[in-house]
Amino acid sequence: MERYSDIPEFIHPQYFWDVDIQKIHPLKSKRLIIERIFSLGTSDDIAALIKFYGKDAVISEIKKVNYIDPKTLNFVSLYFNIPLDSFRCYTRKQQKAQHWSS
């Protein structure tokens, strides 16, 4: 895999502990980067991410993520004023059978 030398400032190594940071390509790994920054990043990281990709691209990608923790999902929903049922991870969770305990 090729190395990408021009890594944006919001891609910190601690957010990507499981991959080689030098191999992350900002365009090819857009969804992973967006998910990690919203889940683990600071407000400055989120602002830089939106500036880099554009608000519409970020919204489009975050809606397609298969899993976001509930706290981050609620934050993203409120931040962009998007209903929860617009997110793939939310609708997938609703479709799973719920086990009730008595």
PDB file of N, CA and C in Angstrom:
ATOM      1  N   MET A   1       0.838  -1.173   0.000  1.00  0.00           N
ATOM      2  CA  MET A   1       0.000   0.000   0.000  1.00  0.00           C
ATOM      3  C   MET A   1       0.884   1.238   0.000  1.00  0.00           C
ATOM      4  N   GLU A   2       0.461   2.242  -0.725  1.00  0.00           N
ATOM      5  CA  GLU A   2       1.266   3.458  -0.820  1.00  0.00           C
ATOM      6  C   GLU A   2       1.191   4.271   0.463  1.00  0.00           C
ATOM      7  N   ARG A   3       2.203   5.063   0.673  1.00  0.00           N
ATOM      8  CA  ARG A   3       2.221   5.958   1.826  1.00  0.00           C
ATOM      9  C   ARG A   3       1.702   7.313   1.390  1.00  0.00           C
ATOM     10  N   TYR A   4       0.933   7.932   2.261  1.00  0.00           N
ATOM     11  CA  TYR A   4       0.386   9.250   1.975  1.00  0.00           C
ATOM     12  C   TYR A   4       1.092  10.242   2.890  1.00  0.00           C
ATOM     13  N   SER A   5       1.808  11.183   2.299  1.00  0.00           N
ATOM     14  CA  SER A   5       2.661  12.055   3.104  1.00  0.00           C
ATOM     15  C   SER A   5       1.957  13.321   3.587  1.00  0.00           C
ATOM     16  N   ASP A   6       0.904  13.758   2.935  1.00  0.00           N
ATOM     17  CA  ASP A   6       0.240  15.004   3.302  1.00  0.00           C
ATOM     18  C   ASP A   6      -0.994  14.701   4.156  1.00  0.00           C
ATOM     19  N   ILE A   7      -0.768  14.339   5.399  1.00  0.00           N
ATOM     20  CA  ILE A   7      -1.854  13.957   6.302  1.00  0.00           C
ATOM     21  C   ILE A   7      -2.411  15.218   6.974  1.00  0.00           C
ATOM     22  N   PRO A   8      -3.721  15.416   6.904  1.00  0.00           N
ATOM     23  CA  PRO A   8      -4.325  16.593   7.558  1.00  0.00           C
ATOM     24  C   PRO A   8      -4.072  16.607   9.058  1.00  0.00           C
ATOM     25  N   GLU A   9      -4.080  17.795   9.630  1.00  0.00           N
ATOM     26  CA  GLU A   9      -3.721  17.960  11.043  1.00  0.00           C
ATOM     27  C   GLU A   9      -4.696  17.304  12.012  1.00  0.00           C
ATOM     28  N   PHE A  10      -5.929  17.042  11.596  1.00  0.00           N
ATOM     29  CA  PHE A  10      -6.900  16.446  12.507  1.00  0.00           C
ATOM     30  C   PHE A  10      -6.770  14.925  12.606  1.00  0.00           C
ATOM     31  N   ILE A  11      -5.904  14.321  11.818  1.00  0.00           N
ATOM     32  CA  ILE A  11      -5.686  12.873  11.890  1.00  0.00           C
ATOM     33  C   ILE A  11      -4.529  12.609  12.852  1.00  0.00           C
ATOM     34  N   HIS A  12      -4.873  12.425  14.124  1.00  0.00           N
ATOM     35  CA  HIS A  12      -3.872  12.164  15.157  1.00  0.00           C
ATOM     36  C   HIS A  12      -3.667  10.657  15.304  1.00  0.00           C
ATOM     37  N   PRO A  13      -2.449  10.220  15.515  1.00  0.00           N
ATOM     38  CA  PRO A  13      -2.169   8.784  15.648  1.00  0.00           C
ATOM     39  C   PRO A  13      -2.969   8.076  16.741  1.00  0.00           C
ATOM     40  N   GLN A  14      -3.299   8.771  17.821  1.00  0.00           N
ATOM     41  CA  GLN A  14      -4.028   8.100  18.904  1.00  0.00           C
ATOM     42  C   GLN A  14      -5.443   7.718  18.492  1.00  0.00           C
ATOM     43  N   TYR A  15      -6.007   8.352  17.453  1.00  0.00           N
ATOM     44  CA  TYR A  15      -7.337   8.000  16.973  1.00  0.00           C
ATOM     45  C   TYR A  15      -7.300   6.774  16.053  1.00  0.00           C
ATOM     46  N   PHE A  16      -6.121   6.454  15.553  1.00  0.00           N
ATOM     47  CA  PHE A  16      -5.969   5.367  14.575  1.00  0.00           C
ATOM     48  C   PHE A  16      -4.896   4.386  15.040  1.00  0.00           C
ATOM     49  N   TRP A  17      -5.050   3.901  16.272  1.00  0.00           N
ATOM     50  CA  TRP A  17      -4.077   3.002  16.873  1.00  0.00           C
ATOM     51  C   TRP A  17      -3.990   1.656  16.159  1.00  0.00           C
ATOM     52  N   ASP A  18      -5.043   1.289  15.418  1.00  0.00           N
ATOM     53  CA  ASP A  18      -5.103  -0.035  14.811  1.00  0.00           C
ATOM     54  C   ASP A  18      -4.661  -0.078  13.351  1.00  0.00           C
ATOM     55  N   VAL A  19      -4.268   1.055  12.792  1.00  0.00           N
ATOM     56  CA  VAL A  19      -3.803   1.117  11.400  1.00  0.00           C
ATOM     57  C   VAL A  19      -2.516   1.926  11.332  1.00  0.00           C
ATOM     58  N   ASP A  20      -1.771   1.728  10.256  1.00  0.00           N
ATOM     59  CA  ASP A  20      -0.553   2.504  10.032  1.00  0.00           C
ATOM     60  C   ASP A  20      -0.974   3.906   9.583  1.00  0.00           C
ATOM     61  N   ILE A  21      -0.703   4.899  10.394  1.00  0.00           N
ATOM     62  CA  ILE A  21      -1.141   6.270  10.139  1.00  0.00           C
ATOM     63  C   ILE A  21      -0.591   6.805   8.820  1.00  0.00           C
ATOM     64  N   GLN A  22       0.566   6.333   8.418  1.00  0.00           N
ATOM     65  CA  GLN A  22       1.162   6.803   7.167  1.00  0.00           C
ATOM     66  C   GLN A  22       0.465   6.224   5.932  1.00  0.00           C
ATOM     67  N   LYS A  23      -0.327   5.185   6.124  1.00  0.00           N
ATOM     68  CA  LYS A  23      -1.027   4.561   5.001  1.00  0.00           C
ATOM     69  C   LYS A  23      -2.472   5.024   4.859  1.00  0.00           C
ATOM     70  N   ILE A  24      -2.921   5.869   5.776  1.00  0.00           N
ATOM     71  CA  ILE A  24      -4.289   6.378   5.686  1.00  0.00           C
ATOM     72  C   ILE A  24      -4.342   7.463   4.616  1.00  0.00           C
ATOM     73  N   HIS A  25      -5.179   7.247   3.642  1.00  0.00           N
ATOM     74  CA  HIS A  25      -5.370   8.229   2.577  1.00  0.00           C
ATOM     75  C   HIS A  25      -6.655   8.997   2.875  1.00  0.00           C
ATOM     76  N   PRO A  26      -6.592  10.323   2.962  1.00  0.00           N
ATOM     77  CA  PRO A  26      -7.759  11.108   3.361  1.00  0.00           C
ATOM     78  C   PRO A  26      -9.005  10.910   2.493  1.00  0.00           C
ATOM     79  N   LEU A  27      -8.843  10.586   1.240  1.00  0.00           N
ATOM     80  CA  LEU A  27     -10.011  10.397   0.380  1.00  0.00           C
ATOM     81  C   LEU A  27     -10.483   8.951   0.357  1.00  0.00           C
ATOM     82  N   LYS A  28      -9.561   8.013   0.330  1.00  0.00           N
ATOM     83  CA  LYS A  28      -9.933   6.598   0.282  1.00  0.00           C
ATOM     84  C   LYS A  28     -10.479   6.100   1.620  1.00  0.00           C
ATOM     85  N   SER A  29     -10.058   6.698   2.704  1.00  0.00           N
ATOM     86  CA  SER A  29     -10.480   6.268   4.042  1.00  0.00           C
ATOM     87  C   SER A  29     -11.387   7.306   4.700  1.00  0.00           C
ATOM     88  N   LYS A  30     -12.123   8.027   3.898  1.00  0.00           N
ATOM     89  CA  LYS A  30     -12.933   9.139   4.396  1.00  0.00           C
ATOM     90  C   LYS A  30     -13.917   8.712   5.487  1.00  0.00           C
ATOM     91  N   ARG A  31     -14.643   7.637   5.267  1.00  0.00           N
ATOM     92  CA  ARG A  31     -15.659   7.214   6.241  1.00  0.00           C
ATOM     93  C   ARG A  31     -15.022   6.832   7.575  1.00  0.00           C
ATOM     94  N   LEU A  32     -13.926   6.093   7.539  1.00  0.00           N
ATOM     95  CA  LEU A  32     -13.219   5.721   8.767  1.00  0.00           C
ATOM     96  C   LEU A  32     -12.740   6.961   9.506  1.00  0.00           C
ATOM     97  N   ILE A  33     -12.159   7.889   8.793  1.00  0.00           N
ATOM     98  CA  ILE A  33     -11.630   9.114   9.414  1.00  0.00           C
ATOM     99  C   ILE A  33     -12.755   9.913  10.059  1.00  0.00           C
ATOM    100  N   ILE A  34     -13.847  10.089   9.342  1.00  0.00           N
ATOM    101  CA  ILE A  34     -14.971  10.867   9.868  1.00  0.00           C
ATOM    102  C   ILE A  34     -15.546  10.212  11.123  1.00  0.00           C
ATOM    103  N   GLU A  35     -15.729   8.904  11.074  1.00  0.00           N
ATOM    104  CA  GLU A  35     -16.277   8.186  12.237  1.00  0.00           C
ATOM    105  C   GLU A  35     -15.355   8.327  13.443  1.00  0.00           C
ATOM    106  N   ARG A  36     -14.060   8.155  13.254  1.00  0.00           N
ATOM    107  CA  ARG A  36     -13.113   8.225  14.367  1.00  0.00           C
ATOM    108  C   ARG A  36     -13.020   9.634  14.950  1.00  0.00           C
ATOM    109  N   ILE A  37     -13.015  10.641  14.092  1.00  0.00           N
ATOM    110  CA  ILE A  37     -12.896  12.012  14.587  1.00  0.00           C
ATOM    111  C   ILE A  37     -14.133  12.398  15.394  1.00  0.00           C
ATOM    112  N   PHE A  38     -15.321  12.029  14.909  1.00  0.00           N
ATOM    113  CA  PHE A  38     -16.517  12.347  15.679  1.00  0.00           C
ATOM    114  C   PHE A  38     -16.580  11.545  16.976  1.00  0.00           C
ATOM    115  N   SER A  39     -16.102  10.319  16.969  1.00  0.00           N
ATOM    116  CA  SER A  39     -16.140   9.490  18.173  1.00  0.00           C
ATOM    117  C   SER A  39     -15.072   9.869  19.191  1.00  0.00           C
ATOM    118  N   LEU A  40     -13.874  10.213  18.724  1.00  0.00           N
ATOM    119  CA  LEU A  40     -12.743  10.396  19.623  1.00  0.00           C
ATOM    120  C   LEU A  40     -12.135  11.795  19.623  1.00  0.00           C
ATOM    121  N   GLY A  41     -12.440  12.593  18.611  1.00  0.00           N
ATOM    122  CA  GLY A  41     -11.785  13.881  18.436  1.00  0.00           C
ATOM    123  C   GLY A  41     -12.336  14.994  19.306  1.00  0.00           C
ATOM    124  N   THR A  42     -11.647  16.109  19.258  1.00  0.00           N
ATOM    125  CA  THR A  42     -12.058  17.309  19.974  1.00  0.00           C
ATOM    126  C   THR A  42     -12.926  18.172  19.061  1.00  0.00           C
ATOM    127  N   SER A  43     -13.481  19.217  19.616  1.00  0.00           N
ATOM    128  CA  SER A  43     -14.292  20.129  18.797  1.00  0.00           C
ATOM    129  C   SER A  43     -13.433  20.802  17.722  1.00  0.00           C
ATOM    130  N   ASP A  44     -12.175  21.072  18.019  1.00  0.00           N
ATOM    131  CA  ASP A  44     -11.272  21.637  17.004  1.00  0.00           C
ATOM    132  C   ASP A  44     -11.017  20.638  15.882  1.00  0.00           C
ATOM    133  N   ASP A  45     -10.866  19.363  16.226  1.00  0.00           N
ATOM    134  CA  ASP A  45     -10.682  18.322  15.212  1.00  0.00           C
ATOM    135  C   ASP A  45     -11.909  18.224  14.313  1.00  0.00           C
ATOM    136  N   ILE A  46     -13.090  18.296  14.909  1.00  0.00           N
ATOM    137  CA  ILE A  46     -14.334  18.212  14.138  1.00  0.00           C
ATOM    138  C   ILE A  46     -14.456  19.402  13.201  1.00  0.00           C
ATOM    139  N   ALA A  47     -14.123  20.590  13.687  1.00  0.00           N
ATOM    140  CA  ALA A  47     -14.170  21.787  12.836  1.00  0.00           C
ATOM    141  C   ALA A  47     -13.189  21.670  11.668  1.00  0.00           C
ATOM    142  N   ALA A  48     -11.987  21.174  11.937  1.00  0.00           N
ATOM    143  CA  ALA A  48     -10.986  20.997  10.869  1.00  0.00           C
ATOM    144  C   ALA A  48     -11.443  19.937   9.871  1.00  0.00           C
ATOM    145  N   LEU A  49     -12.071  18.889  10.356  1.00  0.00           N
ATOM    146  CA  LEU A  49     -12.596  17.827   9.498  1.00  0.00           C
ATOM    147  C   LEU A  49     -13.656  18.383   8.547  1.00  0.00           C
ATOM    148  N   ILE A  50     -14.581  19.156   9.080  1.00  0.00           N
ATOM    149  CA  ILE A  50     -15.642  19.744   8.252  1.00  0.00           C
ATOM    150  C   ILE A  50     -15.059  20.735   7.253  1.00  0.00           C
ATOM    151  N   LYS A  51     -14.070  21.484   7.665  1.00  0.00           N
ATOM    152  CA  LYS A  51     -13.407  22.423   6.744  1.00  0.00           C
ATOM    153  C   LYS A  51     -12.701  21.667   5.616  1.00  0.00           C
ATOM    154  N   PHE A  52     -12.086  20.542   5.945  1.00  0.00           N
ATOM    155  CA  PHE A  52     -11.336  19.761   4.965  1.00  0.00           C
ATOM    156  C   PHE A  52     -12.248  19.075   3.950  1.00  0.00           C
ATOM    157  N   TYR A  53     -13.289  18.372   4.420  1.00  0.00           N
ATOM    158  CA  TYR A  53     -14.166  17.605   3.536  1.00  0.00           C
ATOM    159  C   TYR A  53     -15.386  18.385   3.051  1.00  0.00           C
ATOM    160  N   GLY A  54     -15.836  19.348   3.823  1.00  0.00           N
ATOM    161  CA  GLY A  54     -17.067  20.064   3.527  1.00  0.00           C
ATOM    162  C   GLY A  54     -18.218  19.446   4.302  1.00  0.00           C
ATOM    163  N   LYS A  55     -19.143  20.281   4.724  1.00  0.00           N
ATOM    164  CA  LYS A  55     -20.252  19.835   5.567  1.00  0.00           C
ATOM    165  C   LYS A  55     -21.090  18.762   4.888  1.00  0.00           C
ATOM    166  N   ASP A  56     -21.423  18.939   3.607  1.00  0.00           N
ATOM    167  CA  ASP A  56     -22.275  17.972   2.909  1.00  0.00           C
ATOM    168  C   ASP A  56     -21.620  16.600   2.794  1.00  0.00           C
ATOM    169  N   ALA A  57     -20.325  16.570   2.515  1.00  0.00           N
ATOM    170  CA  ALA A  57     -19.608  15.291   2.407  1.00  0.00           C
ATOM    171  C   ALA A  57     -19.544  14.587   3.752  1.00  0.00           C
ATOM    172  N   VAL A  58     -19.326  15.341   4.827  1.00  0.00           N
ATOM    173  CA  VAL A  58     -19.264  14.755   6.166  1.00  0.00           C
ATOM    174  C   VAL A  58     -20.623  14.167   6.534  1.00  0.00           C
ATOM    175  N   ILE A  59     -21.686  14.918   6.290  1.00  0.00           N
ATOM    176  CA  ILE A  59     -23.031  14.424   6.596  1.00  0.00           C
ATOM    177  C   ILE A  59     -23.342  13.166   5.797  1.00  0.00           C
ATOM    178  N   SER A  60     -23.020  13.183   4.527  1.00  0.00           N
ATOM    179  CA  SER A  60     -23.275  12.029   3.668  1.00  0.00           C
ATOM    180  C   SER A  60     -22.565  10.780   4.178  1.00  0.00           C
ATOM    181  N   GLU A  61     -21.320  10.915   4.558  1.00  0.00           N
ATOM    182  CA  GLU A  61     -20.540   9.765   5.020  1.00  0.00           C
ATOM    183  C   GLU A  61     -20.962   9.295   6.406  1.00  0.00           C
ATOM    184  N   ILE A  62     -21.224  10.225   7.310  1.00  0.00           N
ATOM    185  CA  ILE A  62     -21.573   9.819   8.682  1.00  0.00           C
ATOM    186  C   ILE A  62     -22.925   9.107   8.704  1.00  0.00           C
ATOM    187  N   LYS A  63     -23.786   9.425   7.778  1.00  0.00           N
ATOM    188  CA  LYS A  63     -25.074   8.734   7.700  1.00  0.00           C
ATOM    189  C   LYS A  63     -24.911   7.280   7.276  1.00  0.00           C
ATOM    190  N   LYS A  64     -23.821   6.950   6.585  1.00  0.00           N
ATOM    191  CA  LYS A  64     -23.591   5.605   6.046  1.00  0.00           C
ATOM    192  C   LYS A  64     -22.807   4.691   6.989  1.00  0.00           C
ATOM    193  N   VAL A  65     -22.302   5.214   8.072  1.00  0.00           N
ATOM    194  CA  VAL A  65     -21.497   4.425   9.002  1.00  0.00           C
ATOM    195  C   VAL A  65     -22.366   3.334   9.624  1.00  0.00           C
ATOM    196  N   ASN A  66     -21.836   2.122   9.697  1.00  0.00           N
ATOM    197  CA  ASN A  66     -22.593   0.987  10.233  1.00  0.00           C
ATOM    198  C   ASN A  66     -22.758   1.012  11.753  1.00  0.00           C
ATOM    199  N   TYR A  67     -21.810   1.597  12.464  1.00  0.00           N
ATOM    200  CA  TYR A  67     -21.929   1.660  13.914  1.00  0.00           C
ATOM    201  C   TYR A  67     -21.323   2.962  14.426  1.00  0.00           C
ATOM    202  N   ILE A  68     -22.070   3.638  15.264  1.00  0.00           N
ATOM    203  CA  ILE A  68     -21.584   4.781  16.035  1.00  0.00           C
ATOM    204  C   ILE A  68     -22.142   4.581  17.442  1.00  0.00           C
ATOM    205  N   ASP A  69     -21.318   4.820  18.449  1.00  0.00           N
ATOM    206  CA  ASP A  69     -21.824   4.653  19.809  1.00  0.00           C
ATOM    207  C   ASP A  69     -22.980   5.633  20.043  1.00  0.00           C
ATOM    208  N   PRO A  70     -23.916   5.285  20.926  1.00  0.00           N
ATOM    209  CA  PRO A  70     -25.127   6.092  21.113  1.00  0.00           C
ATOM    210  C   PRO A  70     -24.872   7.564  21.458  1.00  0.00           C
ATOM    211  N   LYS A  71     -23.866   7.831  22.275  1.00  0.00           N
ATOM    212  CA  LYS A  71     -23.569   9.213  22.654  1.00  0.00           C
ATOM    213  C   LYS A  71     -23.110  10.027  21.441  1.00  0.00           C
ATOM    214  N   THR A  72     -22.239   9.456  20.630  1.00  0.00           N
ATOM    215  CA  THR A  72     -21.758  10.140  19.431  1.00  0.00           C
ATOM    216  C   THR A  72     -22.883  10.317  18.425  1.00  0.00           C
ATOM    217  N   LEU A  73     -23.725   9.302  18.287  1.00  0.00           N
ATOM    218  CA  LEU A  73     -24.855   9.397  17.361  1.00  0.00           C
ATOM    219  C   LEU A  73     -25.780  10.548  17.751  1.00  0.00           C
ATOM    220  N   ASN A  74     -26.096  10.665  19.020  1.00  0.00           N
ATOM    221  CA  ASN A  74     -26.940  11.764  19.470  1.00  0.00           C
ATOM    222  C   ASN A  74     -26.267  13.116  19.258  1.00  0.00           C
ATOM    223  N   PHE A  75     -24.969  13.182  19.497  1.00  0.00           N
ATOM    224  CA  PHE A  75     -24.230  14.427  19.259  1.00  0.00           C
ATOM    225  C   PHE A  75     -24.291  14.824  17.792  1.00  0.00           C
ATOM    226  N   VAL A  76     -24.006  13.873  16.897  1.00  0.00           N
ATOM    227  CA  VAL A  76     -24.012  14.162  15.460  1.00  0.00           C
ATOM    228  C   VAL A  76     -25.412  14.584  15.010  1.00  0.00           C
ATOM    229  N   SER A  77     -26.426  13.904  15.510  1.00  0.00           N
ATOM    230  CA  SER A  77     -27.804  14.235  15.164  1.00  0.00           C
ATOM    231  C   SER A  77     -28.139  15.673  15.561  1.00  0.00           C
ATOM    232  N   LEU A  78     -27.760  16.066  16.760  1.00  0.00           N
ATOM    233  CA  LEU A  78     -28.016  17.428  17.218  1.00  0.00           C
ATOM    234  C   LEU A  78     -27.117  18.455  16.532  1.00  0.00           C
ATOM    235  N   TYR A  79     -25.868  18.107  16.318  1.00  0.00           N
ATOM    236  CA  TYR A  79     -24.891  19.015  15.706  1.00  0.00           C
ATOM    237  C   TYR A  79     -25.328  19.432  14.305  1.00  0.00           C
ATOM    238  N   PHE A  80     -25.802  18.452  13.521  1.00  0.00           N
ATOM    239  CA  PHE A  80     -26.212  18.745  12.147  1.00  0.00           C
ATOM    240  C   PHE A  80     -27.726  18.894  11.993  1.00  0.00           C
ATOM    241  N   ASN A  81     -28.463  18.751  13.098  1.00  0.00           N
ATOM    242  CA  ASN A  81     -29.924  18.835  13.075  1.00  0.00           C
ATOM    243  C   ASN A  81     -30.528  17.832  12.088  1.00  0.00           C
ATOM    244  N   ILE A  82     -30.133  16.561  12.261  1.00  0.00           N
ATOM    245  CA  ILE A  82     -30.588  15.472  11.395  1.00  0.00           C
ATOM    246  C   ILE A  82     -31.339  14.474  12.277  1.00  0.00           C
ATOM    247  N   PRO A  83     -32.511  14.019  11.843  1.00  0.00           N
ATOM    248  CA  PRO A  83     -33.244  13.019  12.643  1.00  0.00           C
ATOM    249  C   PRO A  83     -32.455  11.713  12.764  1.00  0.00           C
ATOM    250  N   LEU A  84     -32.585  11.054  13.897  1.00  0.00           N
ATOM    251  CA  LEU A  84     -31.856   9.811  14.138  1.00  0.00           C
ATOM    252  C   LEU A  84     -32.145   8.745  13.087  1.00  0.00           C
ATOM    253  N   ASP A  85     -33.381   8.682  12.608  1.00  0.00           N
ATOM    254  CA  ASP A  85     -33.717   7.632  11.648  1.00  0.00           C
ATOM    255  C   ASP A  85     -33.099   7.849  10.269  1.00  0.00           C
ATOM    256  N   SER A  86     -32.336   8.922  10.098  1.00  0.00           N
ATOM    257  CA  SER A  86     -31.599   9.152   8.849  1.00  0.00           C
ATOM    258  C   SER A  86     -30.253   8.430   8.833  1.00  0.00           C
ATOM    259  N   PHE A  87     -29.841   7.886   9.978  1.00  0.00           N
ATOM    260  CA  PHE A  87     -28.540   7.237  10.099  1.00  0.00           C
ATOM    261  C   PHE A  87     -28.680   5.730   9.941  1.00  0.00           C
ATOM    262  N   ARG A  88     -27.813   5.138   9.135  1.00  0.00           N
ATOM    263  CA  ARG A  88     -27.833   3.689   8.912  1.00  0.00           C
ATOM    264  C   ARG A  88     -27.654   2.929  10.220  1.00  0.00           C
ATOM    265  N   CYS A  89     -26.750   3.379  11.056  1.00  0.00           N
ATOM    266  CA  CYS A  89     -26.499   2.660  12.313  1.00  0.00           C
ATOM    267  C   CYS A  89     -27.729   2.664  13.215  1.00  0.00           C
ATOM    268  N   TYR A  90     -28.515   3.711  13.179  1.00  0.00           N
ATOM    269  CA  TYR A  90     -29.725   3.775  13.998  1.00  0.00           C
ATOM    270  C   TYR A  90     -30.803   2.846  13.455  1.00  0.00           C
ATOM    271  N   THR A  91     -31.016   2.873  12.150  1.00  0.00           N
ATOM    272  CA  THR A  91     -32.053   2.019  11.566  1.00  0.00           C
ATOM    273  C   THR A  91     -31.681   0.546  11.678  1.00  0.00           C
ATOM    274  N   ARG A  92     -30.392   0.218  11.556  1.00  0.00           N
ATOM    275  CA  ARG A  92     -29.954  -1.175  11.726  1.00  0.00           C
ATOM    276  C   ARG A  92     -30.214  -1.648  13.142  1.00  0.00           C
ATOM    277  N   LYS A  93     -29.975  -0.787  14.114  1.00  0.00           N
ATOM    278  CA  LYS A  93     -30.195  -1.156  15.505  1.00  0.00           C
ATOM    279  C   LYS A  93     -31.682  -1.398  15.761  1.00  0.00           C
ATOM    280  N   GLN A  94     -32.535  -0.603  15.146  1.00  0.00           N
ATOM    281  CA  GLN A  94     -33.975  -0.740  15.331  1.00  0.00           C
ATOM    282  C   GLN A  94     -34.512  -2.016  14.688  1.00  0.00           C
ATOM    283  N   GLN A  95     -33.845  -2.496  13.637  1.00  0.00           N
ATOM    284  CA  GLN A  95     -34.304  -3.685  12.931  1.00  0.00           C
ATOM    285  C   GLN A  95     -33.953  -4.977  13.649  1.00  0.00           C
ATOM    286  N   LYS A  96     -32.966  -4.943  14.538  1.00  0.00           N
ATOM    287  CA  LYS A  96     -32.576  -6.151  15.264  1.00  0.00           C
ATOM    288  C   LYS A  96     -33.639  -6.516  16.288  1.00  0.00           C
ATOM    289  N   ALA A  97     -33.857  -7.804  16.434  1.00  0.00           N
ATOM    290  CA  ALA A  97     -34.822  -8.287  17.418  1.00  0.00           C
ATOM    291  C   ALA A  97     -34.351  -7.939  18.823  1.00  0.00           C
ATOM    292  N   GLN A  98     -35.238  -7.409  19.618  1.00  0.00           N
ATOM    293  CA  GLN A  98     -34.921  -7.055  20.994  1.00  0.00           C
ATOM    294  C   GLN A  98     -35.268  -8.238  21.906  1.00  0.00           C
ATOM    295  N   HIS A  99     -34.393  -8.536  22.833  1.00  0.00           N
ATOM    296  CA  HIS A  99     -34.632  -9.611  23.794  1.00  0.00           C
ATOM    297  C   HIS A  99     -35.133  -8.974  25.095  1.00  0.00           C
ATOM    298  N   TRP A 100     -36.285  -9.390  25.485  1.00  0.00           N
ATOM    299  CA  TRP A 100     -36.878  -8.840  26.690  1.00  0.00           C
ATOM    300  C   TRP A 100     -36.652  -9.789  27.859  1.00  0.00           C
ATOM    301  N   SER A 101     -36.264  -9.235  28.952  1.00  0.00           N
ATOM    302  CA  SER A 101     -36.107 -10.061  30.147  1.00  0.00           C
ATOM    303  C   SER A 101     -37.231  -9.726  31.111  1.00  0.00           C
ATOM    304  N   SER A 102     -37.673 -10.708  31.842  1.00  0.00           N
ATOM    305  CA  SER A 102     -38.780 -10.465  32.773  1.00  0.00           C
ATOM    306  C   SER A 102     -38.354 -10.617  34.204  1.00  0.00           C
TER     307      SER A 102
END
